[in-house]
Amino acid sequence: MEKIEEKELKNIKGGSVSVGTILAIGAGIVFLVGIVDGFVRPLKCNS
């Protein structure tokens, strides 16, 4: 096994999910729920 110095350990990145990815997935879920809600419970516009 190779020993890794502390400086090298701090530079290792992987397995993380960015905030933008979480927001995009959330927005997609909200959009799909809105479409399903529109088909299941259609409401008229009051104008």
Protein backbone atom coordinates (compact mmCIF):
# COMPACT_ATOMS: atom_id res chain seq x y z
CA MET A 1 0.00 0.00 0.00
CA GLU A 2 1.19 3.48 -0.82
CA LYS A 3 1.08 6.16 1.85
CA ILE A 4 -0.58 9.40 0.79
CA GLU A 5 0.39 12.70 2.31
CA GLU A 6 -2.17 15.02 3.90
CA LYS A 7 -1.88 17.53 1.04
CA GLU A 8 -2.72 14.83 -1.50
CA LEU A 9 -5.65 13.60 0.59
CA LYS A 10 -7.26 17.04 0.53
CA ASN A 11 -7.09 17.10 -3.30
CA ILE A 12 -9.00 13.84 -3.77
CA LYS A 13 -12.52 14.46 -5.08
CA GLY A 14 -15.21 12.01 -6.06
CA GLY A 15 -18.69 10.80 -5.32
CA SER A 16 -20.12 14.19 -4.57
CA VAL A 17 -23.27 15.62 -6.12
CA SER A 18 -23.28 19.32 -6.96
CA VAL A 19 -26.01 21.71 -5.85
CA GLY A 20 -26.95 22.36 -9.48
CA THR A 21 -27.63 18.66 -10.05
CA ILE A 22 -29.89 18.49 -7.02
CA LEU A 23 -31.80 21.61 -8.15
CA ALA A 24 -32.19 20.24 -11.69
CA ILE A 25 -33.58 16.93 -10.43
CA GLY A 26 -35.95 18.77 -8.07
CA ALA A 27 -37.16 21.06 -10.86
CA GLY A 28 -37.78 18.05 -13.11
CA ILE A 29 -39.81 16.30 -10.42
CA VAL A 30 -41.90 19.43 -9.76
CA PHE A 31 -42.50 19.84 -13.51
CA LEU A 32 -43.67 16.24 -13.92
CA VAL A 33 -45.94 16.51 -10.87
CA GLY A 34 -47.47 19.65 -12.40
CA ILE A 35 -48.17 17.87 -15.69
CA VAL A 36 -49.77 14.90 -13.93
CA ASP A 37 -51.83 17.24 -11.74
CA GLY A 38 -53.03 19.10 -14.83
CA PHE A 39 -54.32 15.91 -16.43
CA VAL A 40 -55.84 14.46 -13.28
CA ARG A 41 -57.42 17.69 -11.96
CA PRO A 42 -57.90 20.17 -14.83
CA LEU A 43 -58.93 23.65 -13.67
CA LYS A 44 -60.34 26.47 -15.80
CA CYS A 45 -58.59 29.82 -15.95
CA ASN A 46 -60.58 32.59 -14.23
CA SER A 47 -60.10 35.56 -16.52
